[in-house]
C-alpha atoms as a PDB file:
ATOM      1  CA  MET A   1       0.522  -0.222  -0.053  1.00  0.00           C
ATOM      2  CA  SER A   2       1.517   3.390  -0.901  1.00  0.00           C
ATOM      3  CA  LYS A   3       1.671   6.507   1.308  1.00  0.00           C
ATOM      4  CA  SER A   4      -0.946   8.560  -0.636  1.00  0.00           C
ATOM      5  CA  GLU A   5      -3.350   4.896  -0.204  1.00  0.00           C
ATOM      6  CA  LEU A   6      -2.573   5.105   3.871  1.00  0.00           C
ATOM      7  CA  HIS A   7      -3.197   8.825   3.867  1.00  0.00           C
ATOM      8  CA  ILE A   8      -6.637   8.569   2.205  1.00  0.00           C
ATOM      9  CA  THR A   9      -7.907   5.297   4.547  1.00  0.00           C
ATOM     10  CA  LEU A  10      -6.817   7.292   7.408  1.00  0.00           C
ATOM     11  CA  ARG A  11      -8.260  10.365   6.092  1.00  0.00           C
ATOM     12  CA  ASN A  12     -11.451   8.148   5.315  1.00  0.00           C
ATOM     13  CA  TRP A  13     -11.786   6.579   8.735  1.00  0.00           C
ATOM     14  CA  ILE A  14     -12.193  10.378   9.949  1.00  0.00           C
ATOM     15  CA  GLU A  15     -14.804  11.556   7.674  1.00  0.00           C
ATOM     16  CA  LYS A  16     -16.804   8.493   9.006  1.00  0.00           C
ATOM     17  CA  LEU A  17     -16.590   9.605  12.280  1.00  0.00           C
ATOM     18  CA  GLN A  18     -17.741  12.609  11.295  1.00  0.00           C
ATOM     19  CA  ALA A  19     -20.704  11.693   9.288  1.00  0.00           C
ATOM     20  CA  HIS A  20     -21.422   9.785  12.788  1.00  0.00           C
ATOM     21  CA  GLY A  21     -21.780  13.267  14.368  1.00  0.00           C
ATOM     22  CA  ARG A  22     -17.887  12.795  16.230  1.00  0.00           C
ATOM     23  CA  ASN A  23     -15.822  15.529  16.330  1.00  0.00           C
ATOM     24  CA  SER A  24     -12.824  13.870  18.416  1.00  0.00           C
ATOM     25  CA  PHE A  25     -11.115  10.693  18.410  1.00  0.00           C
ATOM     26  CA  SER A  26      -7.561   9.325  19.846  1.00  0.00           C
ATOM     27  CA  LEU A  27      -4.356   8.018  18.588  1.00  0.00           C
ATOM     28  CA  LYS A  28      -5.625   4.741  20.465  1.00  0.00           C
ATOM     29  CA  GLU A  29      -8.640   4.350  18.884  1.00  0.00           C
ATOM     30  CA  ILE A  30      -6.844   4.554  14.908  1.00  0.00           C
ATOM     31  CA  HIS A  31      -4.485   1.736  16.331  1.00  0.00           C
ATOM     32  CA  ARG A  32      -7.276  -0.354  17.197  1.00  0.00           C
ATOM     33  CA  GLU A  33      -9.256   0.629  14.206  1.00  0.00           C
ATOM     34  CA  LEU A  34      -7.115   0.639  11.775  1.00  0.00           C
ATOM     35  CA  PRO A  35      -4.244  -2.434  12.707  1.00  0.00           C
ATOM     36  CA  ASP A  36      -2.444  -2.431   9.682  1.00  0.00           C
ATOM     37  CA  LEU A  37      -1.246   1.134   9.699  1.00  0.00           C
ATOM     38  CA  SER A  38       2.504   1.385  10.996  1.00  0.00           C
ATOM     39  CA  ASP A  39       3.107   4.276  13.437  1.00  0.00           C
ATOM     40  CA  VAL A  40       5.052   6.016  10.824  1.00  0.00           C
ATOM     41  CA  ALA A  41       2.332   6.001   8.683  1.00  0.00           C
ATOM     42  CA  VAL A  42      -0.183   6.889  11.151  1.00  0.00           C
ATOM     43  CA  MET A  43       1.516  10.118  11.865  1.00  0.00           C
ATOM     44  CA  ARG A  44       2.880  11.047   8.795  1.00  0.00           C
ATOM     45  CA  SER A  45      -0.762  11.269   7.963  1.00  0.00           C
ATOM     46  CA  LEU A  46      -1.712  13.211  11.156  1.00  0.00           C
ATOM     47  CA  ASN A  47       0.375  15.958  10.627  1.00  0.00           C
ATOM     48  CA  ARG A  48      -0.473  16.256   7.255  1.00  0.00           C
ATOM     49  CA  LEU A  49      -4.139  16.459   7.897  1.00  0.00           C
ATOM     50  CA  SER A  50      -3.373  19.044  11.164  1.00  0.00           C
ATOM     51  CA  ALA A  51      -1.387  21.098   8.152  1.00  0.00           C
ATOM     52  CA  LYS A  52      -4.477  21.404   5.817  1.00  0.00           C
ATOM     53  CA  GLY A  53      -5.991  22.473   9.065  1.00  0.00           C
ATOM     54  CA  LYS A  54      -8.435  19.572   8.928  1.00  0.00           C
ATOM     55  CA  ILE A  55      -7.188  18.064  12.728  1.00  0.00           C
ATOM     56  CA  LEU A  56      -5.841  19.792  15.719  1.00  0.00           C
ATOM     57  CA  SER A  57      -4.223  17.951  18.465  1.00  0.00           C
ATOM     58  CA  ILE A  58      -5.618  19.349  21.443  1.00  0.00           C
ATOM     59  CA  LEU A  59      -3.967  17.441  24.002  1.00  0.00           C
ATOM     60  CA  ARG A  60      -1.287  14.630  23.812  1.00  0.00           C
ATOM     61  CA  GLY A  61      -2.556  11.377  21.569  1.00  0.00           C
ATOM     62  CA  TYR A  62      -6.212  13.142  21.297  1.00  0.00           C
ATOM     63  CA  TYR A  63      -7.625  14.921  17.867  1.00  0.00           C
ATOM     64  CA  LEU A  64     -10.330  17.586  17.235  1.00  0.00           C
ATOM     65  CA  ILE A  65     -11.411  16.847  13.856  1.00  0.00           C
ATOM     66  CA  ILE A  66     -12.584  20.874  12.375  1.00  0.00           C
ATOM     67  CA  PRO A  67     -15.531  21.068  10.024  1.00  0.00           C
ATOM     68  CA  PRO A  68     -15.546  23.975   7.733  1.00  0.00           C
ATOM     69  CA  GLN A  69     -17.433  26.012   9.706  1.00  0.00           C
ATOM     70  CA  TYR A  70     -15.246  26.246  12.035  1.00  0.00           C
ATOM     71  CA  SER A  71     -11.817  26.229   9.972  1.00  0.00           C
ATOM     72  CA  SER A  72     -11.377  30.037  10.366  1.00  0.00           C
ATOM     73  CA  LYS A  73     -10.546  29.247  13.930  1.00  0.00           C
ATOM     74  CA  GLY A  74      -8.757  26.293  13.575  1.00  0.00           C
ATOM     75  CA  VAL A  75     -10.714  24.978  16.657  1.00  0.00           C
ATOM     76  CA  LEU A  76     -14.227  23.999  18.126  1.00  0.00           C
ATOM     77  CA  PRO A  77     -15.862  25.820  20.372  1.00  0.00           C
ATOM     78  CA  PRO A  78     -15.242  23.404  24.276  1.00  0.00           C
ATOM     79  CA  VAL A  79     -18.443  22.824  24.479  1.00  0.00           C
ATOM     80  CA  LEU A  80     -18.310  20.400  21.501  1.00  0.00           C
ATOM     81  CA  PHE A  81     -15.907  18.201  23.155  1.00  0.00           C
ATOM     82  CA  ILE A  82     -14.943  18.790  26.404  1.00  0.00           C
ATOM     83  CA  ASP A  83     -17.106  16.089  27.403  1.00  0.00           C
ATOM     84  CA  ALA A  84     -15.727  13.221  25.010  1.00  0.00           C
ATOM     85  CA  LEU A  85     -12.251  14.676  26.174  1.00  0.00           C
ATOM     86  CA  MET A  86     -13.303  13.872  29.489  1.00  0.00           C
ATOM     87  CA  LYS A  87     -14.470  10.312  29.083  1.00  0.00           C
ATOM     88  CA  HIS A  88     -11.361   9.694  27.229  1.00  0.00           C
ATOM     89  CA  LEU A  89      -8.832  10.974  30.351  1.00  0.00           C
ATOM     90  CA  GLY A  90     -11.584   9.095  32.731  1.00  0.00           C
ATOM     91  CA  ARG A  91     -12.060  12.212  34.708  1.00  0.00           C
ATOM     92  CA  LYS A  92     -15.175  13.175  36.381  1.00  0.00           C
ATOM     93  CA  TYR A  93     -15.671  17.241  35.296  1.00  0.00           C
ATOM     94  CA  TYR A  94     -17.980  20.162  34.893  1.00  0.00           C
ATOM     95  CA  VAL A  95     -17.731  23.232  33.387  1.00  0.00           C
ATOM     96  CA  GLY A  96     -18.112  25.682  35.810  1.00  0.00           C
ATOM     97  CA  LEU A  97     -17.390  29.515  37.055  1.00  0.00           C
ATOM     98  CA  LEU A  98     -18.303  31.902  33.889  1.00  0.00           C
ATOM     99  CA  SER A  99     -18.175  29.378  31.362  1.00  0.00           C
ATOM    100  CA  ALA A 100     -21.333  28.042  33.293  1.00  0.00           C
ATOM    101  CA  ALA A 101     -22.684  31.348  34.559  1.00  0.00           C
ATOM    102  CA  ALA A 102     -23.372  31.980  30.601  1.00  0.00           C
ATOM    103  CA  PHE A 103     -25.491  29.496  29.980  1.00  0.00           C
ATOM    104  CA  HIS A 104     -27.532  30.323  33.108  1.00  0.00           C
ATOM    105  CA  GLY A 105     -28.178  33.583  31.344  1.00  0.00           C
ATOM    106  CA  ALA A 106     -25.016  35.758  32.602  1.00  0.00           C
ATOM    107  CA  SER A 107     -24.638  36.902  28.300  1.00  0.00           C
ATOM    108  CA  HIS A 108     -22.672  40.004  28.910  1.00  0.00           C
ATOM    109  CA  GLN A 109     -19.995  37.973  31.234  1.00  0.00           C
ATOM    110  CA  GLN A 110     -18.424  35.828  27.862  1.00  0.00           C
ATOM    111  CA  PRO A 111     -15.442  35.237  29.081  1.00  0.00           C
ATOM    112  CA  GLN A 112     -12.485  34.787  26.934  1.00  0.00           C
ATOM    113  CA  GLU A 113     -11.117  31.167  28.686  1.00  0.00           C
ATOM    114  CA  PHE A 114     -13.246  28.057  29.298  1.00  0.00           C
ATOM    115  CA  PHE A 115     -13.003  26.977  32.749  1.00  0.00           C
ATOM    116  CA  VAL A 116     -13.419  23.213  33.926  1.00  0.00           C
ATOM    117  CA  PHE A 117     -13.428  21.881  37.402  1.00  0.00           C
ATOM    118  CA  THR A 118     -11.844  17.965  37.434  1.00  0.00           C
ATOM    119  CA  GLY A 119     -10.351  15.847  40.065  1.00  0.00           C
ATOM    120  CA  PHE A 120      -6.097  15.575  40.714  1.00  0.00           C
ATOM    121  CA  PRO A 121      -3.880  15.602  39.446  1.00  0.00           C
ATOM    122  CA  VAL A 122      -3.787  18.921  38.171  1.00  0.00           C
ATOM    123  CA  MET A 123      -4.271  19.426  34.313  1.00  0.00           C
ATOM    124  CA  ILE A 124      -1.920  22.423  33.112  1.00  0.00           C
ATOM    125  CA  ALA A 125      -3.812  24.672  30.745  1.00  0.00           C
ATOM    126  CA  THR A 126      -4.951  24.021  27.044  1.00  0.00           C
ATOM    127  CA  ILE A 127      -3.905  26.633  24.681  1.00  0.00           C
ATOM    128  CA  ARG A 128      -4.252  26.040  21.432  1.00  0.00           C
ATOM    129  CA  ASN A 129      -5.309  28.586  18.489  1.00  0.00           C
ATOM    130  CA  GLY A 130      -6.743  31.471  20.660  1.00  0.00           C
ATOM    131  CA  LEU A 131      -8.699  28.842  22.955  1.00  0.00           C
ATOM    132  CA  THR A 132      -7.872  28.648  26.878  1.00  0.00           C
ATOM    133  CA  ILE A 133      -9.028  25.963  28.664  1.00  0.00           C
ATOM    134  CA  ASN A 134      -7.994  26.346  32.342  1.00  0.00           C
ATOM    135  CA  TYR A 135      -8.874  23.643  34.628  1.00  0.00           C
ATOM    136  CA  ILE A 136      -9.143  23.556  38.261  1.00  0.00           C
ATOM    137  CA  SER A 137      -8.756  20.994  40.798  1.00  0.00           C
ATOM    138  CA  LYS A 138     -11.057  19.742  43.134  1.00  0.00           C
ATOM    139  CA  SER A 139     -10.878  16.712  45.529  1.00  0.00           C
ATOM    140  CA  ASN A 140     -14.822  15.871  44.950  1.00  0.00           C
ATOM    141  CA  ILE A 141     -16.730  16.751  41.713  1.00  0.00           C
ATOM    142  CA  PRO A 142     -20.579  17.759  43.669  1.00  0.00           C
ATOM    143  CA  GLU A 143     -22.972  15.419  41.056  1.00  0.00           C
ATOM    144  CA  GLU A 144     -25.813  16.456  42.619  1.00  0.00           C
ATOM    145  CA  LEU A 145     -24.971  20.065  42.140  1.00  0.00           C
ATOM    146  CA  LEU A 146     -24.804  19.469  38.459  1.00  0.00           C
ATOM    147  CA  GLN A 147     -26.716  19.976  35.314  1.00  0.00           C
ATOM    148  CA  GLU A 148     -26.551  18.460  31.578  1.00  0.00           C
ATOM    149  CA  ARG A 149     -26.786  21.153  29.271  1.00  0.00           C
ATOM    150  CA  LYS A 150     -28.060  19.708  25.441  1.00  0.00           C
ATOM    151  CA  THR A 151     -25.184  21.229  22.708  1.00  0.00           C
ATOM    152  CA  GLU A 152     -24.837  19.971  18.725  1.00  0.00           C
ATOM    153  CA  SER A 153     -22.753  17.310  19.457  1.00  0.00           C
ATOM    154  CA  GLY A 154     -24.003  15.542  22.291  1.00  0.00           C
ATOM    155  CA  TYR A 155     -24.279  16.946  26.319  1.00  0.00           C
ATOM    156  CA  VAL A 156     -21.910  19.012  28.906  1.00  0.00           C
ATOM    157  CA  LYS A 157     -22.203  18.994  32.537  1.00  0.00           C
ATOM    158  CA  ILE A 158     -22.192  22.625  33.990  1.00  0.00           C
ATOM    159  CA  SER A 159     -22.383  23.550  37.507  1.00  0.00           C
ATOM    160  CA  SER A 160     -25.766  24.268  39.058  1.00  0.00           C
ATOM    161  CA  PRO A 161     -26.713  28.091  39.481  1.00  0.00           C
ATOM    162  CA  ILE A 162     -26.296  27.890  43.186  1.00  0.00           C
ATOM    163  CA  LEU A 163     -22.966  25.724  43.044  1.00  0.00           C
ATOM    164  CA  THR A 164     -22.493  28.268  39.989  1.00  0.00           C
ATOM    165  CA  ALA A 165     -22.417  31.548  42.613  1.00  0.00           C
ATOM    166  CA  LEU A 166     -20.954  29.422  45.134  1.00  0.00           C
ATOM    167  CA  ASP A 167     -17.616  29.009  43.099  1.00  0.00           C
ATOM    168  CA  LEU A 168     -17.243  32.577  41.234  1.00  0.00           C
ATOM    169  CA  ILE A 169     -16.796  33.810  45.604  1.00  0.00           C
ATOM    170  CA  GLN A 170     -14.624  30.524  46.345  1.00  0.00           C
ATOM    171  CA  PHE A 171     -12.363  30.780  43.297  1.00  0.00           C
ATOM    172  CA  GLN A 172     -12.910  34.992  42.801  1.00  0.00           C
ATOM    173  CA  SER A 173      -9.144  35.475  42.131  1.00  0.00           C
ATOM    174  CA  ARG A 174      -9.371  32.714  38.783  1.00  0.00           C
ATOM    175  CA  ILE A 175     -12.250  35.104  37.431  1.00  0.00           C
ATOM    176  CA  GLY A 176     -10.398  38.941  38.717  1.00  0.00           C
ATOM    177  CA  GLY A 177     -11.920  39.509  41.636  1.00  0.00           C
ATOM    178  CA  LEU A 178     -14.843  39.259  43.768  1.00  0.00           C
ATOM    179  CA  ASN A 179     -16.031  42.210  41.989  1.00  0.00           C
ATOM    180  CA  ARG A 180     -16.891  40.616  38.560  1.00  0.00           C
ATOM    181  CA  ALA A 181     -18.113  38.008  41.178  1.00  0.00           C
ATOM    182  CA  ALA A 182     -20.942  40.120  42.538  1.00  0.00           C
ATOM    183  CA  SER A 183     -21.756  41.107  38.740  1.00  0.00           C
ATOM    184  CA  VAL A 184     -22.095  37.464  37.587  1.00  0.00           C
ATOM    185  CA  ILE A 185     -24.323  36.589  40.351  1.00  0.00           C
ATOM    186  CA  ASN A 186     -26.029  39.679  39.970  1.00  0.00           C
ATOM    187  CA  GLU A 187     -27.415  38.054  36.381  1.00  0.00           C
ATOM    188  CA  LEU A 188     -27.583  34.624  38.021  1.00  0.00           C
ATOM    189  CA  MET A 189     -29.640  35.720  40.858  1.00  0.00           C
ATOM    190  CA  GLU A 190     -33.313  35.019  39.283  1.00  0.00           C
ATOM    191  CA  SER A 191     -32.236  31.324  38.678  1.00  0.00           C
ATOM    192  CA  ILE A 192     -30.803  30.917  42.088  1.00  0.00           C
ATOM    193  CA  LYS A 193     -34.362  29.054  44.058  1.00  0.00           C
ATOM    194  CA  PRO A 194     -34.817  28.901  47.770  1.00  0.00           C
ATOM    195  CA  SER A 195     -34.918  24.690  47.220  1.00  0.00           C
ATOM    196  CA  ASP A 196     -31.567  24.874  46.002  1.00  0.00           C
ATOM    197  CA  PHE A 197     -30.005  25.718  49.796  1.00  0.00           C
ATOM    198  CA  THR A 198     -30.285  21.498  50.253  1.00  0.00           C
ATOM    199  CA  ASN A 199     -27.542  19.516  52.811  1.00  0.00           C
ATOM    200  CA  ASN A 200     -25.765  19.139  49.928  1.00  0.00           C
ATOM    201  CA  ILE A 201     -24.265  22.244  49.511  1.00  0.00           C
ATOM    202  CA  PHE A 202     -23.494  22.261  53.052  1.00  0.00           C
ATOM    203  CA  ILE A 203     -21.457  18.988  52.322  1.00  0.00           C
ATOM    204  CA  GLU A 204     -19.303  19.736  49.080  1.00  0.00           C
ATOM    205  CA  LEU A 205     -18.974  23.528  49.616  1.00  0.00           C
ATOM    206  CA  PRO A 206     -16.999  25.989  52.645  1.00  0.00           C
ATOM    207  CA  VAL A 207     -19.636  27.754  54.734  1.00  0.00           C
ATOM    208  CA  THR A 208     -17.076  31.205  54.236  1.00  0.00           C
ATOM    209  CA  ALA A 209     -18.243  31.056  50.846  1.00  0.00           C
ATOM    210  CA  MET A 210     -21.945  31.073  51.501  1.00  0.00           C
ATOM    211  CA  GLN A 211     -21.306  33.923  54.224  1.00  0.00           C
ATOM    212  CA  ARG A 212     -19.864  36.102  51.467  1.00  0.00           C
ATOM    213  CA  LEU A 213     -22.892  34.612  49.349  1.00  0.00           C
ATOM    214  CA  GLY A 214     -25.388  35.591  51.810  1.00  0.00           C
ATOM    215  CA  TYR A 215     -23.662  38.990  52.774  1.00  0.00           C
ATOM    216  CA  LEU A 216     -23.471  40.183  48.751  1.00  0.00           C
ATOM    217  CA  LEU A 217     -27.136  39.142  48.393  1.00  0.00           C
ATOM    218  CA  GLU A 218     -28.299  41.217  51.642  1.00  0.00           C
ATOM    219  CA  ARG A 219     -26.053  44.230  51.224  1.00  0.00           C
ATOM    220  CA  VAL A 220     -25.001  44.513  47.601  1.00  0.00           C
ATOM    221  CA  LEU A 221     -27.400  43.270  45.045  1.00  0.00           C
ATOM    222  CA  ASN A 222     -30.696  44.224  47.260  1.00  0.00           C
ATOM    223  CA  ASN A 223     -31.931  40.926  47.200  1.00  0.00           C
ATOM    224  CA  LYS A 224     -33.312  40.027  50.917  1.00  0.00           C
ATOM    225  CA  GLY A 225     -35.858  37.238  50.596  1.00  0.00           C
ATOM    226  CA  LEU A 226     -32.955  34.885  48.855  1.00  0.00           C
ATOM    227  CA  ALA A 227     -30.366  36.234  51.535  1.00  0.00           C
ATOM    228  CA  ASP A 228     -32.777  34.962  54.192  1.00  0.00           C
ATOM    229  CA  GLU A 229     -33.635  31.982  52.841  1.00  0.00           C
ATOM    230  CA  LEU A 230     -29.650  31.038  52.241  1.00  0.00           C
ATOM    231  CA  PHE A 231     -29.263  32.047  56.400  1.00  0.00           C
ATOM    232  CA  GLU A 232     -31.939  30.077  57.291  1.00  0.00           C
ATOM    233  CA  ALA A 233     -30.822  26.947  55.513  1.00  0.00           C
ATOM    234  CA  VAL A 234     -27.238  28.021  57.322  1.00  0.00           C
ATOM    235  CA  MET A 235     -28.846  27.754  60.265  1.00  0.00           C
ATOM    236  CA  ARG A 236     -30.755  24.796  60.019  1.00  0.00           C
ATOM    237  CA  SER A 237     -27.674  23.102  58.708  1.00  0.00           C
ATOM    238  CA  GLY A 238     -26.353  23.168  62.114  1.00  0.00           C
ATOM    239  CA  TYR A 239     -23.324  25.460  60.987  1.00  0.00           C
ATOM    240  CA  HIS A 240     -22.210  28.951  63.193  1.00  0.00           C
ATOM    241  CA  PHE A 241     -20.921  31.588  61.039  1.00  0.00           C
ATOM    242  CA  GLN A 242     -16.966  33.208  62.127  1.00  0.00           C
ATOM    243  CA  ARG A 243     -15.591  36.006  61.608  1.00  0.00           C
ATOM    244  CA  ILE A 244     -14.046  36.244  58.033  1.00  0.00           C
ATOM    245  CA  PRO A 245     -12.924  39.460  55.481  1.00  0.00           C
ATOM    246  CA  LEU A 246     -15.145  40.001  53.020  1.00  0.00           C
ATOM    247  CA  ASN A 247     -11.686  40.035  50.779  1.00  0.00           C
ATOM    248  CA  THR A 248      -8.905  38.033  51.287  1.00  0.00           C
ATOM    249  CA  LYS A 249      -6.820  40.015  49.707  1.00  0.00           C
ATOM    250  CA  LYS A 250      -7.108  42.943  51.374  1.00  0.00           C
ATOM    251  CA  VAL A 251      -5.964  44.047  55.246  1.00  0.00           C
ATOM    252  CA  SER A 252      -9.625  43.581  57.623  1.00  0.00           C
ATOM    253  CA  SER A 253      -8.023  45.053  61.430  1.00  0.00           C
ATOM    254  CA  GLY A 254     -10.022  47.588  62.402  1.00  0.00           C
ATOM    255  CA  CYS A 255     -13.217  47.126  59.670  1.00  0.00           C
ATOM    256  CA  VAL A 256     -16.449  47.400  60.512  1.00  0.00           C
ATOM    257  CA  GLN A 257     -18.499  44.144  60.780  1.00  0.00           C
ATOM    258  CA  ASP A 258     -21.719  42.805  59.251  1.00  0.00           C
ATOM    259  CA  ASP A 259     -23.021  41.121  62.735  1.00  0.00           C
ATOM    260  CA  ARG A 260     -25.154  38.815  60.600  1.00  0.00           C
ATOM    261  CA  TRP A 261     -22.911  37.569  58.149  1.00  0.00           C
ATOM    262  CA  LYS A 262     -19.998  37.564  60.621  1.00  0.00           C
ATOM    263  CA  ILE A 263     -18.360  39.614  57.541  1.00  0.00           C
ATOM    264  CA  LEU A 264     -15.115  42.233  58.284  1.00  0.00           C
ATOM    265  CA  ILE A 265     -16.140  44.428  55.516  1.00  0.00           C
ATOM    266  CA  ASN A 266     -13.131  45.416  53.976  1.00  0.00           C
ATOM    267  CA  SER A 267     -13.672  46.223  50.175  1.00  0.00           C
ATOM    268  CA  GLU A 268     -16.614  48.230  48.635  1.00  0.00           C
ATOM    269  CA  ILE A 269     -17.569  45.999  45.831  1.00  0.00           C
ATOM    270  CA  GLU A 270     -19.018  47.647  42.839  1.00  0.00           C
ATOM    271  CA  VAL A 271     -21.361  46.327  40.369  1.00  0.00           C
ATOM    272  CA  ASP A 272     -20.983  46.558  36.665  1.00  0.00           C
END
């Protein structure tokens, strides 16, 4: 079999994947499905297809299939392949922070980066053709607090509105600070319901994030009703607040304390 015939065989296999709705594949799949191709022939063909912009290596041994509508960008939107990629890696995950907030209607907060929570070991960021995927490691992925959303290529797991809000506070440094977190939560509030304040959030998330969320809801975003519901849920759970600073990056000595939420007000929050 000639080199050109090997190339056509691999190319046709990739086209068949695409025809069946697949937009990614692994090197292991190629070796399993096309055992007659040598390692050298496979890599030459993959390099040739990459050079033409037909495929893109998004991770070692894992490739995206680039359809014509995305050829100018040279990469797919991550919602179209992140689920398949995480299954390939055998990792639990969810889309979070600003990326999840966009799913929930925080439309003007569209992020330049894509945020994915996953387990350990830590994954380094994926940066390809202007796309950045930031991976944030958690010791436990709270399946009960996730939602599935349909995409044109399948489904993707995202954080629920309440998990999104609490993650925005807990990981505020990853998105530009507490002001931005408050601005996004301002858009998320309509999607957060009192029924979301279940035991699962107390099991999975730090009470300090709830303190800061309650303070923001009541004192900054003027949603006392939702703040009251959160406060009552915390009290029923048996947790007790300790004094904490609103902004962990700033000095809090001598600051006024919010007596209800036990927050030391060491930062003025501005909402977009």
